[in-house]
């Protein structure tokens, strides 16, 4: 599975760094549960940015806030300086496209038809034009089909244009979803776990495809659990833990951060309060207890010094004077 477009093996040398997507103080609450806590993130033109974190860290919820599926409880999301509307189709029209963690293709439509669906925000023909099917409609349809075939060629699926989407192998279904997202002509592409369930060869092909997308001038924000994939691919990586952004930086910065390692190992990612006094106090307590223990040990022979005849005198009741004194000592 290879793409038909030449790809580079490393990120672009000098992206222009113009802010493209800006998420500021995004908070997402569901009743009493806060899934995303004051997360800010910027994606610049020509960048590939990664978003990682343990399961349940809030990565997909944050994606949904960026693409209009969720309306953030607090904070704002803007694209090219304009606040994005809270409607997915309007976000797509503005220039932000996405794929999903669970593949969402039209299974009973052909590969070509799935890509044509992604063109709906870039065509001006409405319902009336579709019913009349005049010359303008046929021209727009021809342009859309031409562009869709270009994208299928780009992703290596042109030879399966007339196949049903449900009949494609898993890795090619992932590629088809990316082709459909690209059909909307985005400036920013959001990929939600694009290599989930893939073998190493398919993962490498996806990596080359993402580089090729970046080389066409499209910025990419990607969620992924494959650390080798994400660190080879991205210019910057942000880490979410428990809905909060823990750290952001280059692959080297993120990999060397002890809090990130602790988060993935299931340990607390924040240092716990100093507990130094407790170990220091323990020896003192033990030292203080030692004389008391010695005193009790020294007192034991005195308790045993009770005359034997007195102890024997009460043997009918089963509790002699010596036994009573030992009970008192206890």
C-alpha atoms as a PDB file:
ATOM      1  CA  UNK A   1       0.000   0.000   0.000  1.00  0.00           C
ATOM      2  CA  UNK A   2       1.856   3.039  -1.232  1.00  0.00           C
ATOM      3  CA  UNK A   3       0.825   6.458  -2.348  1.00  0.00           C
ATOM      4  CA  UNK A   4       1.330   7.560  -5.901  1.00  0.00           C
ATOM      5  CA  UNK A   5       2.636  10.955  -4.888  1.00  0.00           C
ATOM      6  CA  UNK A   6       6.281  11.512  -4.066  1.00  0.00           C
ATOM      7  CA  UNK A   7       6.731  12.156  -0.362  1.00  0.00           C
ATOM      8  CA  UNK A   8       9.430  13.461   1.891  1.00  0.00           C
ATOM      9  CA  UNK A   9      10.723  11.586   4.898  1.00  0.00           C
ATOM     10  CA  UNK A  10      10.998  14.505   7.272  1.00  0.00           C
ATOM     11  CA  UNK A  11       8.971  17.554   8.292  1.00  0.00           C
ATOM     12  CA  UNK A  12       9.275  20.736   6.262  1.00  0.00           C
ATOM     13  CA  UNK A  13      12.466  22.640   6.953  1.00  0.00           C
ATOM     14  CA  UNK A  14      10.928  26.071   7.460  1.00  0.00           C
ATOM     15  CA  UNK A  15       7.140  26.409   7.834  1.00  0.00           C
ATOM     16  CA  UNK A  16       5.987  30.018   7.722  1.00  0.00           C
ATOM     17  CA  UNK A  17       4.617  29.801  11.308  1.00  0.00           C
ATOM     18  CA  UNK A  18       1.537  31.872  10.567  1.00  0.00           C
ATOM     19  CA  UNK A  19      -1.105  31.027  13.215  1.00  0.00           C
ATOM     20  CA  UNK A  20      -3.846  28.997  11.560  1.00  0.00           C
ATOM     21  CA  UNK A  21      -5.881  27.434  14.358  1.00  0.00           C
ATOM     22  CA  UNK A  22      -6.001  28.989  17.813  1.00  0.00           C
ATOM     23  CA  UNK A  23      -7.809  27.331  20.711  1.00  0.00           C
ATOM     24  CA  UNK A  24      -7.825  29.500  23.833  1.00  0.00           C
ATOM     25  CA  UNK A  25      -8.824  28.301  27.299  1.00  0.00           C
ATOM     26  CA  UNK A  26     -11.136  25.554  26.045  1.00  0.00           C
ATOM     27  CA  UNK A  27     -13.186  23.955  28.826  1.00  0.00           C
ATOM     28  CA  UNK A  28     -15.756  21.222  28.175  1.00  0.00           C
ATOM     29  CA  UNK A  29     -18.060  20.072  30.943  1.00  0.00           C
ATOM     30  CA  UNK A  30     -20.673  17.347  30.870  1.00  0.00           C
ATOM     31  CA  UNK A  31     -22.802  17.976  33.937  1.00  0.00           C
ATOM     32  CA  UNK A  32     -20.425  17.645  36.876  1.00  0.00           C
ATOM     33  CA  UNK A  33     -17.655  16.074  34.787  1.00  0.00           C
ATOM     34  CA  UNK A  34     -14.974  18.316  33.301  1.00  0.00           C
ATOM     35  CA  UNK A  35     -13.512  16.462  30.303  1.00  0.00           C
ATOM     36  CA  UNK A  36     -11.288  19.285  29.025  1.00  0.00           C
ATOM     37  CA  UNK A  37      -9.703  21.770  31.440  1.00  0.00           C
ATOM     38  CA  UNK A  38      -8.476  25.115  30.148  1.00  0.00           C
ATOM     39  CA  UNK A  39      -6.586  23.785  27.113  1.00  0.00           C
ATOM     40  CA  UNK A  40      -4.930  26.219  24.702  1.00  0.00           C
ATOM     41  CA  UNK A  41      -3.254  25.138  21.473  1.00  0.00           C
ATOM     42  CA  UNK A  42      -2.003  26.830  18.316  1.00  0.00           C
ATOM     43  CA  UNK A  43      -1.387  25.172  14.951  1.00  0.00           C
ATOM     44  CA  UNK A  44       0.650  27.173  12.451  1.00  0.00           C
ATOM     45  CA  UNK A  45       0.669  26.958   8.684  1.00  0.00           C
ATOM     46  CA  UNK A  46       2.867  24.181   7.333  1.00  0.00           C
ATOM     47  CA  UNK A  47       3.046  22.361  10.680  1.00  0.00           C
ATOM     48  CA  UNK A  48       2.236  18.847  11.766  1.00  0.00           C
ATOM     49  CA  UNK A  49       1.229  18.924  15.426  1.00  0.00           C
ATOM     50  CA  UNK A  50       0.595  15.832  17.530  1.00  0.00           C
ATOM     51  CA  UNK A  51      -1.824  15.403  20.415  1.00  0.00           C
ATOM     52  CA  UNK A  52      -1.118  12.465  22.708  1.00  0.00           C
ATOM     53  CA  UNK A  53      -2.146  11.218  26.125  1.00  0.00           C
ATOM     54  CA  UNK A  54      -3.435   8.127  27.944  1.00  0.00           C
ATOM     55  CA  UNK A  55      -6.898   6.758  27.218  1.00  0.00           C
ATOM     56  CA  UNK A  56      -9.563   9.028  28.656  1.00  0.00           C
ATOM     57  CA  UNK A  57      -7.318  12.093  28.623  1.00  0.00           C
ATOM     58  CA  UNK A  58      -9.874  14.138  26.633  1.00  0.00           C
ATOM     59  CA  UNK A  59      -8.163  14.151  23.223  1.00  0.00           C
ATOM     60  CA  UNK A  60     -11.197  13.279  21.091  1.00  0.00           C
ATOM     61  CA  UNK A  61     -13.419  15.561  23.173  1.00  0.00           C
ATOM     62  CA  UNK A  62     -11.000  18.397  22.445  1.00  0.00           C
ATOM     63  CA  UNK A  63     -11.140  17.502  18.732  1.00  0.00           C
ATOM     64  CA  UNK A  64     -14.930  17.642  18.867  1.00  0.00           C
ATOM     65  CA  UNK A  65     -14.719  21.134  20.373  1.00  0.00           C
ATOM     66  CA  UNK A  66     -12.455  22.239  17.528  1.00  0.00           C
ATOM     67  CA  UNK A  67     -14.756  20.917  14.797  1.00  0.00           C
ATOM     68  CA  UNK A  68     -18.130  22.079  16.075  1.00  0.00           C
ATOM     69  CA  UNK A  69     -19.487  18.731  17.265  1.00  0.00           C
ATOM     70  CA  UNK A  70     -19.344  20.129  20.802  1.00  0.00           C
ATOM     71  CA  UNK A  71     -19.801  23.729  21.856  1.00  0.00           C
ATOM     72  CA  UNK A  72     -17.118  24.473  24.488  1.00  0.00           C
ATOM     73  CA  UNK A  73     -18.468  25.393  27.897  1.00  0.00           C
ATOM     74  CA  UNK A  74     -15.796  28.105  28.054  1.00  0.00           C
ATOM     75  CA  UNK A  75     -13.049  29.348  25.753  1.00  0.00           C
ATOM     76  CA  UNK A  76     -12.927  29.974  22.008  1.00  0.00           C
ATOM     77  CA  UNK A  77     -11.687  28.338  18.828  1.00  0.00           C
ATOM     78  CA  UNK A  78     -10.664  30.474  15.855  1.00  0.00           C
ATOM     79  CA  UNK A  79      -9.380  29.702  12.379  1.00  0.00           C
ATOM     80  CA  UNK A  80      -7.369  32.349  10.535  1.00  0.00           C
ATOM     81  CA  UNK A  81      -8.442  34.894  13.142  1.00  0.00           C
ATOM     82  CA  UNK A  82     -12.185  34.162  12.868  1.00  0.00           C
ATOM     83  CA  UNK A  83     -14.085  32.380  15.624  1.00  0.00           C
ATOM     84  CA  UNK A  84     -15.455  29.112  14.253  1.00  0.00           C
ATOM     85  CA  UNK A  85     -19.242  28.637  14.305  1.00  0.00           C
ATOM     86  CA  UNK A  86     -20.589  25.762  16.442  1.00  0.00           C
ATOM     87  CA  UNK A  87     -21.809  23.783  13.407  1.00  0.00           C
ATOM     88  CA  UNK A  88     -19.707  20.980  11.867  1.00  0.00           C
ATOM     89  CA  UNK A  89     -20.642  21.764   8.252  1.00  0.00           C
ATOM     90  CA  UNK A  90     -19.803  25.444   8.754  1.00  0.00           C
ATOM     91  CA  UNK A  91     -16.463  24.515  10.320  1.00  0.00           C
ATOM     92  CA  UNK A  92     -15.737  22.340   7.288  1.00  0.00           C
ATOM     93  CA  UNK A  93     -16.751  25.157   4.977  1.00  0.00           C
ATOM     94  CA  UNK A  94     -14.390  27.502   6.841  1.00  0.00           C
ATOM     95  CA  UNK A  95     -11.470  25.189   6.012  1.00  0.00           C
ATOM     96  CA  UNK A  96     -11.145  22.650   8.852  1.00  0.00           C
ATOM     97  CA  UNK A  97     -11.725  18.983   7.960  1.00  0.00           C
ATOM     98  CA  UNK A  98     -11.370  15.856  10.061  1.00  0.00           C
ATOM     99  CA  UNK A  99     -11.429  12.075  10.179  1.00  0.00           C
ATOM    100  CA  UNK A 100     -12.837   9.996  13.019  1.00  0.00           C
ATOM    101  CA  UNK A 101     -11.452   7.490  15.472  1.00  0.00           C
ATOM    102  CA  UNK A 102     -14.093   4.998  14.308  1.00  0.00           C
ATOM    103  CA  UNK A 103     -14.313   4.927  10.512  1.00  0.00           C
ATOM    104  CA  UNK A 104     -17.454   6.682   9.266  1.00  0.00           C
ATOM    105  CA  UNK A 105     -17.810   5.879   5.604  1.00  0.00           C
ATOM    106  CA  UNK A 106     -20.962   5.380   3.557  1.00  0.00           C
ATOM    107  CA  UNK A 107     -20.554   1.628   3.314  1.00  0.00           C
ATOM    108  CA  UNK A 108     -23.032   1.035   0.491  1.00  0.00           C
ATOM    109  CA  UNK A 109     -21.662   3.849  -1.705  1.00  0.00           C
ATOM    110  CA  UNK A 110     -18.707   3.505  -4.013  1.00  0.00           C
ATOM    111  CA  UNK A 111     -15.258   4.831  -3.216  1.00  0.00           C
ATOM    112  CA  UNK A 112     -15.731   7.657  -5.719  1.00  0.00           C
ATOM    113  CA  UNK A 113     -19.155   8.575  -4.332  1.00  0.00           C
ATOM    114  CA  UNK A 114     -17.739   8.791  -0.803  1.00  0.00           C
ATOM    115  CA  UNK A 115     -15.178  11.340  -1.972  1.00  0.00           C
ATOM    116  CA  UNK A 116     -17.823  13.278  -3.907  1.00  0.00           C
ATOM    117  CA  UNK A 117     -19.792  13.654  -0.649  1.00  0.00           C
ATOM    118  CA  UNK A 118     -16.840  15.611   0.726  1.00  0.00           C
ATOM    119  CA  UNK A 119     -17.202  18.132  -2.112  1.00  0.00           C
ATOM    120  CA  UNK A 120     -20.589  19.400  -0.960  1.00  0.00           C
ATOM    121  CA  UNK A 121     -19.171  22.482   0.784  1.00  0.00           C
ATOM    122  CA  UNK A 122     -17.247  23.491  -2.354  1.00  0.00           C
ATOM    123  CA  UNK A 123     -20.103  23.374  -4.881  1.00  0.00           C
ATOM    124  CA  UNK A 124     -22.627  26.143  -5.449  1.00  0.00           C
ATOM    125  CA  UNK A 125     -25.309  24.036  -7.067  1.00  0.00           C
ATOM    126  CA  UNK A 126     -28.401  23.752  -4.873  1.00  0.00           C
ATOM    127  CA  UNK A 127     -31.504  21.589  -4.789  1.00  0.00           C
ATOM    128  CA  UNK A 128     -33.200  23.361  -7.694  1.00  0.00           C
ATOM    129  CA  UNK A 129     -30.147  22.947  -9.911  1.00  0.00           C
ATOM    130  CA  UNK A 130     -29.952  19.264  -9.004  1.00  0.00           C
ATOM    131  CA  UNK A 131     -33.619  18.776  -9.939  1.00  0.00           C
ATOM    132  CA  UNK A 132     -33.396  20.652 -13.224  1.00  0.00           C
ATOM    133  CA  UNK A 133     -29.944  19.280 -14.077  1.00  0.00           C
ATOM    134  CA  UNK A 134     -29.051  22.138 -16.346  1.00  0.00           C
ATOM    135  CA  UNK A 135     -25.664  22.875 -17.974  1.00  0.00           C
ATOM    136  CA  UNK A 136     -24.303  24.498 -14.786  1.00  0.00           C
ATOM    137  CA  UNK A 137     -25.082  21.398 -12.777  1.00  0.00           C
ATOM    138  CA  UNK A 138     -23.326  19.087 -15.236  1.00  0.00           C
ATOM    139  CA  UNK A 139     -20.236  21.314 -15.321  1.00  0.00           C
ATOM    140  CA  UNK A 140     -20.034  21.402 -11.517  1.00  0.00           C
ATOM    141  CA  UNK A 141     -20.489  17.639 -11.343  1.00  0.00           C
ATOM    142  CA  UNK A 142     -17.720  17.092 -13.892  1.00  0.00           C
ATOM    143  CA  UNK A 143     -15.341  19.317 -11.918  1.00  0.00           C
ATOM    144  CA  UNK A 144     -16.164  17.484  -8.705  1.00  0.00           C
ATOM    145  CA  UNK A 145     -15.589  14.079 -10.293  1.00  0.00           C
ATOM    146  CA  UNK A 146     -12.286  15.249 -11.726  1.00  0.00           C
ATOM    147  CA  UNK A 147     -11.115  16.519  -8.340  1.00  0.00           C
ATOM    148  CA  UNK A 148     -12.324  13.364  -6.599  1.00  0.00           C
ATOM    149  CA  UNK A 149     -10.331  11.184  -9.003  1.00  0.00           C
ATOM    150  CA  UNK A 150      -7.253  13.327  -8.377  1.00  0.00           C
ATOM    151  CA  UNK A 151      -7.612  12.679  -4.640  1.00  0.00           C
ATOM    152  CA  UNK A 152      -8.088   8.955  -5.176  1.00  0.00           C
ATOM    153  CA  UNK A 153      -4.941   8.941  -7.301  1.00  0.00           C
ATOM    154  CA  UNK A 154      -3.161  10.864  -4.551  1.00  0.00           C
ATOM    155  CA  UNK A 155      -4.145   8.305  -1.915  1.00  0.00           C
ATOM    156  CA  UNK A 156      -3.565   5.268  -4.150  1.00  0.00           C
ATOM    157  CA  UNK A 157      -7.230   4.304  -4.472  1.00  0.00           C
ATOM    158  CA  UNK A 158      -7.974   5.328  -8.060  1.00  0.00           C
ATOM    159  CA  UNK A 159      -8.082   1.704  -9.253  1.00  0.00           C
ATOM    160  CA  UNK A 160     -10.883   1.000  -6.756  1.00  0.00           C
ATOM    161  CA  UNK A 161     -13.049   4.011  -7.547  1.00  0.00           C
ATOM    162  CA  UNK A 162     -16.097   1.882  -8.391  1.00  0.00           C
ATOM    163  CA  UNK A 163     -15.721  -0.553  -5.480  1.00  0.00           C
ATOM    164  CA  UNK A 164     -18.122  -0.366  -2.567  1.00  0.00           C
ATOM    165  CA  UNK A 165     -16.500   1.239   0.456  1.00  0.00           C
ATOM    166  CA  UNK A 166     -17.430  -1.695   2.669  1.00  0.00           C
ATOM    167  CA  UNK A 167     -15.373  -4.049   0.494  1.00  0.00           C
ATOM    168  CA  UNK A 168     -12.103  -2.184   1.013  1.00  0.00           C
ATOM    169  CA  UNK A 169      -9.459  -3.528   3.413  1.00  0.00           C
ATOM    170  CA  UNK A 170      -9.211  -1.706   6.714  1.00  0.00           C
ATOM    171  CA  UNK A 171      -6.114   0.326   5.795  1.00  0.00           C
ATOM    172  CA  UNK A 172      -7.678   1.498   2.528  1.00  0.00           C
ATOM    173  CA  UNK A 173     -10.849   2.527   4.329  1.00  0.00           C
ATOM    174  CA  UNK A 174      -8.680   4.799   6.459  1.00  0.00           C
ATOM    175  CA  UNK A 175      -7.158   6.280   3.310  1.00  0.00           C
ATOM    176  CA  UNK A 176     -10.606   6.791   1.805  1.00  0.00           C
ATOM    177  CA  UNK A 177     -11.708   8.731   4.861  1.00  0.00           C
ATOM    178  CA  UNK A 178      -8.669  10.985   4.480  1.00  0.00           C
ATOM    179  CA  UNK A 179      -9.449  11.457   0.751  1.00  0.00           C
ATOM    180  CA  UNK A 180     -13.030  12.434   1.599  1.00  0.00           C
ATOM    181  CA  UNK A 181     -11.782  14.990   4.153  1.00  0.00           C
ATOM    182  CA  UNK A 182      -9.359  16.433   1.584  1.00  0.00           C
ATOM    183  CA  UNK A 183     -12.230  16.828  -0.905  1.00  0.00           C
ATOM    184  CA  UNK A 184     -13.467  19.817   1.119  1.00  0.00           C
ATOM    185  CA  UNK A 185     -10.205  21.665   0.268  1.00  0.00           C
ATOM    186  CA  UNK A 186      -9.181  22.266   3.904  1.00  0.00           C
ATOM    187  CA  UNK A 187      -6.363  24.422   5.174  1.00  0.00           C
ATOM    188  CA  UNK A 188      -6.177  22.279   8.314  1.00  0.00           C
ATOM    189  CA  UNK A 189      -6.747  18.541   8.537  1.00  0.00           C
ATOM    190  CA  UNK A 190      -7.498  16.848  11.881  1.00  0.00           C
ATOM    191  CA  UNK A 191      -6.718  13.131  12.039  1.00  0.00           C
ATOM    192  CA  UNK A 192      -8.095  11.087  14.931  1.00  0.00           C
ATOM    193  CA  UNK A 193      -5.921   7.957  15.368  1.00  0.00           C
ATOM    194  CA  UNK A 194      -5.273   7.406  11.639  1.00  0.00           C
ATOM    195  CA  UNK A 195      -3.075   4.308  12.201  1.00  0.00           C
ATOM    196  CA  UNK A 196      -5.241   2.519  14.776  1.00  0.00           C
ATOM    197  CA  UNK A 197      -5.321  -1.198  13.964  1.00  0.00           C
ATOM    198  CA  UNK A 198      -2.743  -0.941  11.177  1.00  0.00           C
ATOM    199  CA  UNK A 199       0.284  -3.143  10.644  1.00  0.00           C
ATOM    200  CA  UNK A 200       3.772  -1.562  10.355  1.00  0.00           C
ATOM    201  CA  UNK A 201       3.640  -1.372   6.540  1.00  0.00           C
ATOM    202  CA  UNK A 202       0.268   0.391   6.570  1.00  0.00           C
ATOM    203  CA  UNK A 203       1.480   2.731   9.307  1.00  0.00           C
ATOM    204  CA  UNK A 204       4.523   3.689   7.235  1.00  0.00           C
ATOM    205  CA  UNK A 205       2.308   4.332   4.189  1.00  0.00           C
ATOM    206  CA  UNK A 206       0.074   6.581   6.301  1.00  0.00           C
ATOM    207  CA  UNK A 207       3.108   8.489   7.558  1.00  0.00           C
ATOM    208  CA  UNK A 208       4.218   9.139   3.971  1.00  0.00           C
ATOM    209  CA  UNK A 209       0.691  10.230   3.061  1.00  0.00           C
ATOM    210  CA  UNK A 210       0.587  12.762   5.908  1.00  0.00           C
ATOM    211  CA  UNK A 211       3.940  14.192   4.811  1.00  0.00           C
ATOM    212  CA  UNK A 212       2.565  14.505   1.281  1.00  0.00           C
ATOM    213  CA  UNK A 213      -0.506  16.328   2.598  1.00  0.00           C
ATOM    214  CA  UNK A 214       1.749  18.738   4.507  1.00  0.00           C
ATOM    215  CA  UNK A 215       3.803  19.314   1.371  1.00  0.00           C
ATOM    216  CA  UNK A 216       0.631  20.506  -0.380  1.00  0.00           C
ATOM    217  CA  UNK A 217       0.376  23.319   2.167  1.00  0.00           C
ATOM    218  CA  UNK A 218      -2.179  21.729   4.484  1.00  0.00           C
ATOM    219  CA  UNK A 219      -1.459  21.850   8.218  1.00  0.00           C
ATOM    220  CA  UNK A 220      -2.182  18.688  10.191  1.00  0.00           C
ATOM    221  CA  UNK A 221      -3.247  18.070  13.794  1.00  0.00           C
ATOM    222  CA  UNK A 222      -3.138  14.386  14.670  1.00  0.00           C
ATOM    223  CA  UNK A 223      -4.158  12.233  17.650  1.00  0.00           C
ATOM    224  CA  UNK A 224      -2.244   8.973  17.903  1.00  0.00           C
ATOM    225  CA  UNK A 225      -1.165   6.324  20.424  1.00  0.00           C
ATOM    226  CA  UNK A 226       1.722   5.023  18.309  1.00  0.00           C
ATOM    227  CA  UNK A 227       4.597   6.979  19.828  1.00  0.00           C
ATOM    228  CA  UNK A 228       7.110   6.061  17.136  1.00  0.00           C
ATOM    229  CA  UNK A 229       4.699   7.297  14.472  1.00  0.00           C
ATOM    230  CA  UNK A 230       3.919  10.544  16.287  1.00  0.00           C
ATOM    231  CA  UNK A 231       7.502  11.465  17.167  1.00  0.00           C
ATOM    232  CA  UNK A 232       8.769  10.750  13.629  1.00  0.00           C
ATOM    233  CA  UNK A 233       5.947  12.774  12.114  1.00  0.00           C
ATOM    234  CA  UNK A 234       5.351  15.894  14.172  1.00  0.00           C
ATOM    235  CA  UNK A 235       7.066  19.260  14.509  1.00  0.00           C
ATOM    236  CA  UNK A 236       5.485  19.735  17.943  1.00  0.00           C
ATOM    237  CA  UNK A 237       3.653  17.461  20.350  1.00  0.00           C
ATOM    238  CA  UNK A 238       1.166  18.394  23.085  1.00  0.00           C
ATOM    239  CA  UNK A 239       0.317  16.004  25.909  1.00  0.00           C
ATOM    240  CA  UNK A 240      -3.111  15.859  27.543  1.00  0.00           C
ATOM    241  CA  UNK A 241      -3.537  14.167  30.921  1.00  0.00           C
ATOM    242  CA  UNK A 242      -6.851  14.164  32.779  1.00  0.00           C
ATOM    243  CA  UNK A 243      -8.175  16.851  30.440  1.00  0.00           C
ATOM    244  CA  UNK A 244      -5.255  19.231  31.024  1.00  0.00           C
ATOM    245  CA  UNK A 245      -2.318  20.101  28.779  1.00  0.00           C
ATOM    246  CA  UNK A 246       0.676  18.783  30.649  1.00  0.00           C
ATOM    247  CA  UNK A 247       3.503  19.791  28.315  1.00  0.00           C
ATOM    248  CA  UNK A 248       4.058  20.941  24.737  1.00  0.00           C
ATOM    249  CA  UNK A 249       7.227  20.972  22.683  1.00  0.00           C
ATOM    250  CA  UNK A 250       9.431  19.007  20.343  1.00  0.00           C
ATOM    251  CA  UNK A 251       9.638  15.226  20.443  1.00  0.00           C
ATOM    252  CA  UNK A 252      12.845  15.433  22.482  1.00  0.00           C
ATOM    253  CA  UNK A 253      11.277  17.729  25.085  1.00  0.00           C
ATOM    254  CA  UNK A 254       8.190  15.562  25.489  1.00  0.00           C
ATOM    255  CA  UNK A 255      10.084  12.255  25.669  1.00  0.00           C
ATOM    256  CA  UNK A 256      12.410  13.567  28.364  1.00  0.00           C
ATOM    257  CA  UNK A 257       9.637  14.954  30.579  1.00  0.00           C
ATOM    258  CA  UNK A 258       9.294  12.747  33.656  1.00  0.00           C
ATOM    259  CA  UNK A 259       5.649  13.728  34.112  1.00  0.00           C
ATOM    260  CA  UNK A 260       4.790  12.338  30.690  1.00  0.00           C
ATOM    261  CA  UNK A 261       6.515   9.055  31.481  1.00  0.00           C
ATOM    262  CA  UNK A 262       4.707   8.868  34.827  1.00  0.00           C
ATOM    263  CA  UNK A 263       1.332   9.568  33.187  1.00  0.00           C
ATOM    264  CA  UNK A 264       1.762   6.695  30.742  1.00  0.00           C
ATOM    265  CA  UNK A 265       2.892   4.355  33.513  1.00  0.00           C
ATOM    266  CA  UNK A 266      -0.212   5.134  35.543  1.00  0.00           C
ATOM    267  CA  UNK A 267       1.574   7.124  38.236  1.00  0.00           C
ATOM    268  CA  UNK A 268       0.628  10.649  39.412  1.00  0.00           C
ATOM    269  CA  UNK A 269       1.960  13.185  36.929  1.00  0.00           C
ATOM    270  CA  UNK A 270       2.369  15.909  39.577  1.00  0.00           C
ATOM    271  CA  UNK A 271       4.927  15.638  42.405  1.00  0.00           C
ATOM    272  CA  UNK A 272       3.299  14.692  45.681  1.00  0.00           C
ATOM    273  CA  UNK A 273       3.715  16.798  48.845  1.00  0.00           C
ATOM    274  CA  UNK A 274       6.998  16.401  50.680  1.00  0.00           C
ATOM    275  CA  UNK A 275       6.799  13.569  53.201  1.00  0.00           C
ATOM    276  CA  UNK A 276      10.331  13.963  54.635  1.00  0.00           C
ATOM    277  CA  UNK A 277       9.299  14.706  58.283  1.00  0.00           C
ATOM    278  CA  UNK A 278       7.527  11.371  58.658  1.00  0.00           C
ATOM    279  CA  UNK A 279      10.632   9.189  58.103  1.00  0.00           C
ATOM    280  CA  UNK A 280      12.664  11.458  60.433  1.00  0.00           C
ATOM    281  CA  UNK A 281      10.066  11.253  63.197  1.00  0.00           C
ATOM    282  CA  UNK A 282       9.878   7.483  63.029  1.00  0.00           C
ATOM    283  CA  UNK A 283      13.356   6.833  64.504  1.00  0.00           C
ATOM    284  CA  UNK A 284      12.605   9.239  67.373  1.00  0.00           C
ATOM    285  CA  UNK A 285       9.394   7.428  68.157  1.00  0.00           C
ATOM    286  CA  UNK A 286      11.182   4.103  68.054  1.00  0.00           C
ATOM    287  CA  UNK A 287      14.006   5.463  70.229  1.00  0.00           C
ATOM    288  CA  UNK A 288      11.516   6.773  72.761  1.00  0.00           C
ATOM    289  CA  UNK A 289       9.673   3.507  72.833  1.00  0.00           C
ATOM    290  CA  UNK A 290      12.841   1.506  73.515  1.00  0.00           C
ATOM    291  CA  UNK A 291      13.373   2.684  77.143  1.00  0.00           C
ATOM    292  CA  UNK A 292       9.714   2.038  77.872  1.00  0.00           C
ATOM    293  CA  UNK A 293      10.032  -1.451  76.497  1.00  0.00           C
ATOM    294  CA  UNK A 294      13.156  -1.998  78.604  1.00  0.00           C
ATOM    295  CA  UNK A 295      11.356  -0.681  81.677  1.00  0.00           C
ATOM    296  CA  UNK A 296       8.508  -3.126  81.100  1.00  0.00           C
ATOM    297  CA  UNK A 297      11.034  -5.895  80.580  1.00  0.00           C
ATOM    298  CA  UNK A 298      12.728  -4.909  83.849  1.00  0.00           C
ATOM    299  CA  UNK A 299       9.418  -4.853  85.691  1.00  0.00           C
ATOM    300  CA  UNK A 300       8.476  -8.341  84.571  1.00  0.00           C
ATOM    301  CA  UNK A 301      10.722 -10.172  87.112  1.00  0.00           C
ATOM    302  CA  UNK A 302       9.132  -8.153  89.964  1.00  0.00           C
ATOM    303  CA  UNK A 303       5.726  -9.297  88.902  1.00  0.00           C
ATOM    304  CA  UNK A 304       6.939 -12.901  88.840  1.00  0.00           C
ATOM    305  CA  UNK A 305       8.374 -12.543  92.394  1.00  0.00           C
ATOM    306  CA  UNK A 306       4.955 -13.208  93.999  1.00  0.00           C
ATOM    307  CA  UNK A 307       5.247 -16.127  96.487  1.00  0.00           C
ATOM    308  CA  UNK A 308       4.158 -19.388  94.926  1.00  0.00           C
ATOM    309  CA  UNK A 309       2.031 -20.528  97.865  1.00  0.00           C
ATOM    310  CA  UNK A 310      -0.310 -17.505  97.512  1.00  0.00           C
ATOM    311  CA  UNK A 311      -0.792 -18.238  93.826  1.00  0.00           C
ATOM    312  CA  UNK A 312      -1.527 -21.859  94.578  1.00  0.00           C
ATOM    313  CA  UNK A 313      -4.078 -21.053  97.234  1.00  0.00           C
ATOM    314  CA  UNK A 314      -6.753 -19.914  94.769  1.00  0.00           C
ATOM    315  CA  UNK A 315      -6.468 -22.784  92.328  1.00  0.00           C
ATOM    316  CA  UNK A 316     -10.124 -23.710  92.818  1.00  0.00           C
ATOM    317  CA  UNK A 317     -11.349 -20.578  91.109  1.00  0.00           C
ATOM    318  CA  UNK A 318      -8.716 -20.843  88.411  1.00  0.00           C
ATOM    319  CA  UNK A 319      -7.489 -17.271  89.006  1.00  0.00           C
ATOM    320  CA  UNK A 320      -4.699 -16.924  91.551  1.00  0.00           C
ATOM    321  CA  UNK A 321      -3.177 -13.744  92.912  1.00  0.00           C
ATOM    322  CA  UNK A 322      -0.248 -14.022  90.485  1.00  0.00           C
ATOM    323  CA  UNK A 323      -2.641 -14.294  87.527  1.00  0.00           C
ATOM    324  CA  UNK A 324      -4.593 -11.276  88.780  1.00  0.00           C
ATOM    325  CA  UNK A 325      -1.411  -9.177  88.971  1.00  0.00           C
ATOM    326  CA  UNK A 326      -0.461 -10.217  85.425  1.00  0.00           C
ATOM    327  CA  UNK A 327      -3.936  -9.212  84.251  1.00  0.00           C
ATOM    328  CA  UNK A 328      -3.494  -5.821  85.923  1.00  0.00           C
ATOM    329  CA  UNK A 329      -0.123  -5.409  84.227  1.00  0.00           C
ATOM    330  CA  UNK A 330      -1.827  -5.924  80.914  1.00  0.00           C
END
